[in-house]
Amino acid sequence: MEKTILYVDDAAYARDFLARQSADAAASQAPRHWVLVACAPRMTHRISKWVSHSARENWRGKWMAKVEDQLVPLLKAGGNEVTTVLAKGPLTDLTQQLRLTHGAASVVDARRPKIGVDLEPVAPGMTPASSGWAVPGAVVSMGALLIMANELSE
């Protein structure tokens, strides 16, 4: 059985990503074991003033349950197996640990690219997808200043 580690941070984006992948490649219908790794959104360090650690972990668990509800039925189609994991810590370390646990497995990064944010690589030598919209803050500020100056001069 072929094993695939799938990294996800947005269920809707992952569904579209998987649909594009299956449309692009004529995949064999052999059963597959999916290891679904859910990468919950990061909370700022300032949130710890109002939310306890157990409440944050509870929220991460609920977030993962929503992702599972949306993706597991899609991944189980065709007699596939699905194992879910909630990502904690560096993703490259998690990938190595999962490969030791599950054996040789291909890695698929289906995380949504974010504007101006470099995603952490999921495996050594694997570069994450970028949004292609990295704009320096100075350029954005200068553009806003020029628009404001134009509006004031009218």
Protein backbone atom coordinates (compact mmCIF):
# COMPACT_ATOMS: atom_id res chain seq x y z
CA MET A 1 0.00 0.00 0.00
CA GLU A 2 1.41 3.36 -1.04
CA LYS A 3 1.74 5.87 1.81
CA THR A 4 1.42 9.63 1.47
CA ILE A 5 1.94 12.30 4.12
CA LEU A 6 -0.40 15.23 3.38
CA TYR A 7 0.19 18.59 5.10
CA VAL A 8 -2.93 20.79 5.34
CA ASP A 9 -3.70 24.16 6.96
CA ASP A 10 -6.94 25.03 5.12
CA ALA A 11 -9.47 22.31 4.27
CA ALA A 12 -11.09 24.17 1.34
CA TYR A 13 -7.72 24.88 -0.28
CA ALA A 14 -6.64 21.26 0.27
CA ARG A 15 -9.81 19.95 -1.41
CA ASP A 16 -9.12 22.14 -4.48
CA PHE A 17 -5.45 21.15 -4.42
CA LEU A 18 -6.30 17.43 -4.35
CA ALA A 19 -8.86 17.87 -7.14
CA ARG A 20 -6.20 19.56 -9.32
CA GLN A 21 -3.68 16.84 -8.52
CA SER A 22 -6.07 14.03 -9.42
CA ALA A 23 -7.08 15.84 -12.63
CA ASP A 24 -3.45 16.43 -13.66
CA ALA A 25 -2.18 12.91 -13.01
CA ALA A 26 -3.78 9.69 -14.12
CA ALA A 27 -3.43 8.13 -10.68
CA SER A 28 -3.72 4.42 -10.22
CA GLN A 29 -6.69 3.28 -8.20
CA ALA A 30 -4.52 1.23 -5.85
CA PRO A 31 -5.41 1.67 -2.17
CA ARG A 32 -3.41 4.33 -0.42
CA HIS A 33 -2.67 5.14 3.21
CA TRP A 34 -2.98 8.88 3.80
CA VAL A 35 -1.32 10.44 6.85
CA LEU A 36 -3.23 13.71 7.19
CA VAL A 37 -1.15 16.27 9.11
CA ALA A 38 -3.23 19.25 10.21
CA CYS A 39 -1.21 22.44 10.73
CA ALA A 40 -3.44 24.62 12.92
CA PRO A 41 -3.11 28.39 12.54
CA ARG A 42 -0.65 29.97 14.94
CA MET A 43 -1.93 32.15 17.74
CA THR A 44 -0.02 35.24 18.73
CA HIS A 45 2.01 35.17 21.91
CA ARG A 46 -0.17 37.98 23.30
CA ILE A 47 -3.23 35.73 23.38
CA SER A 48 -1.76 33.91 26.39
CA LYS A 49 -2.91 36.84 28.54
CA TRP A 50 -6.53 35.84 28.00
CA VAL A 51 -6.48 32.15 27.04
CA SER A 52 -5.05 29.27 29.04
CA HIS A 53 -2.89 26.56 27.51
CA SER A 54 -5.65 23.97 27.89
CA ALA A 55 -8.13 26.29 26.14
CA ARG A 56 -5.69 26.75 23.24
CA GLU A 57 -5.21 22.99 22.94
CA ASN A 58 -8.99 22.52 23.09
CA TRP A 59 -9.40 25.04 20.23
CA ARG A 60 -6.70 23.24 18.19
CA GLY A 61 -8.56 19.96 18.72
CA LYS A 62 -11.85 21.48 17.54
CA TRP A 63 -10.11 23.02 14.52
CA MET A 64 -8.64 19.62 13.62
CA ALA A 65 -12.06 17.96 13.96
CA LYS A 66 -13.48 20.43 11.40
CA VAL A 67 -10.62 19.67 9.00
CA GLU A 68 -11.17 15.93 9.47
CA ASP A 69 -14.90 16.29 8.78
CA GLN A 70 -14.15 17.98 5.46
CA LEU A 71 -11.19 15.92 4.22
CA VAL A 72 -11.36 12.38 5.62
CA PRO A 73 -14.42 11.31 3.56
CA LEU A 74 -12.67 12.57 0.42
CA LEU A 75 -9.44 10.75 1.25
CA LYS A 76 -11.19 7.49 2.24
CA ALA A 77 -12.88 7.20 -1.17
CA GLY A 78 -11.76 4.08 -3.02
CA GLY A 79 -10.90 2.06 0.08
CA ASN A 80 -8.04 4.25 1.30
CA GLU A 81 -6.92 4.42 4.91
CA VAL A 82 -6.50 7.73 6.74
CA THR A 83 -4.48 8.49 9.86
CA THR A 84 -4.70 12.01 11.30
CA VAL A 85 -1.98 13.89 13.15
CA LEU A 86 -2.02 17.37 14.68
CA ALA A 87 1.27 19.11 13.89
CA LYS A 88 3.30 20.45 16.80
CA GLY A 89 6.83 21.75 16.51
CA PRO A 90 9.04 21.90 13.41
CA LEU A 91 7.46 20.19 10.39
CA THR A 92 10.74 18.72 9.10
CA ASP A 93 11.16 16.87 12.41
CA LEU A 94 7.57 15.65 12.23
CA THR A 95 8.11 14.39 8.68
CA GLN A 96 11.17 12.41 9.78
CA GLN A 97 9.24 10.96 12.72
CA LEU A 98 6.29 9.98 10.49
CA ARG A 99 8.62 8.33 7.98
CA LEU A 100 10.19 6.31 10.77
CA THR A 101 6.74 5.30 12.02
CA HIS A 102 5.04 4.61 8.68
CA GLY A 103 8.01 3.69 6.50
CA ALA A 104 8.83 5.21 3.14
CA ALA A 105 6.15 7.75 2.25
CA SER A 106 5.82 10.52 -0.27
CA VAL A 107 5.19 14.01 1.11
CA VAL A 108 2.55 16.37 -0.33
CA ASP A 109 2.38 19.98 0.86
CA ALA A 110 -1.21 21.18 0.40
CA ARG A 111 -0.90 24.20 2.69
CA ARG A 112 -2.37 27.45 1.36
CA PRO A 113 0.34 29.95 0.31
CA LYS A 114 0.02 33.24 2.18
CA ILE A 115 0.90 36.69 0.87
CA GLY A 116 4.17 37.95 2.30
CA VAL A 117 4.70 34.88 4.52
CA ASP A 118 7.31 32.22 3.85
CA LEU A 119 5.93 28.81 4.80
CA GLU A 120 8.11 26.43 6.78
CA PRO A 121 9.43 23.55 4.66
CA VAL A 122 7.85 20.19 5.47
CA ALA A 123 10.79 18.01 4.44
CA PRO A 124 14.52 18.63 3.97
CA GLY A 125 15.20 19.83 0.43
CA MET A 126 11.51 20.49 -0.27
CA THR A 127 10.54 24.13 -0.86
CA PRO A 128 6.98 25.15 -0.02
CA ALA A 129 4.76 26.85 -2.57
CA SER A 130 4.89 30.62 -2.48
CA SER A 131 2.14 33.07 -3.26
CA GLY A 132 4.38 35.14 -5.52
CA TRP A 133 3.02 38.32 -3.91
CA ALA A 134 5.92 39.25 -1.66
CA VAL A 135 5.84 43.06 -1.62
CA PRO A 136 8.16 45.01 0.69
CA GLY A 137 6.41 47.18 3.24
CA ALA A 138 8.23 50.31 2.04
CA VAL A 139 6.75 49.90 -1.45
CA VAL A 140 3.24 49.52 -0.07
CA SER A 141 3.72 52.57 2.18
CA MET A 142 5.03 54.68 -0.69
CA GLY A 143 2.04 53.69 -2.85
CA ALA A 144 -0.39 54.63 -0.08
CA LEU A 145 1.40 57.95 0.40
CA LEU A 146 1.18 58.75 -3.31
CA ILE A 147 -2.55 57.91 -3.42
CA MET A 148 -3.17 60.08 -0.37
CA ALA A 149 -1.20 62.99 -1.87
CA ASN A 150 -3.19 62.67 -5.10
CA GLU A 151 -6.50 62.72 -3.21
CA LEU A 152 -5.50 65.81 -1.21
CA SER A 153 -4.40 67.75 -4.29
CA GLU A 154 -7.83 67.42 -5.93
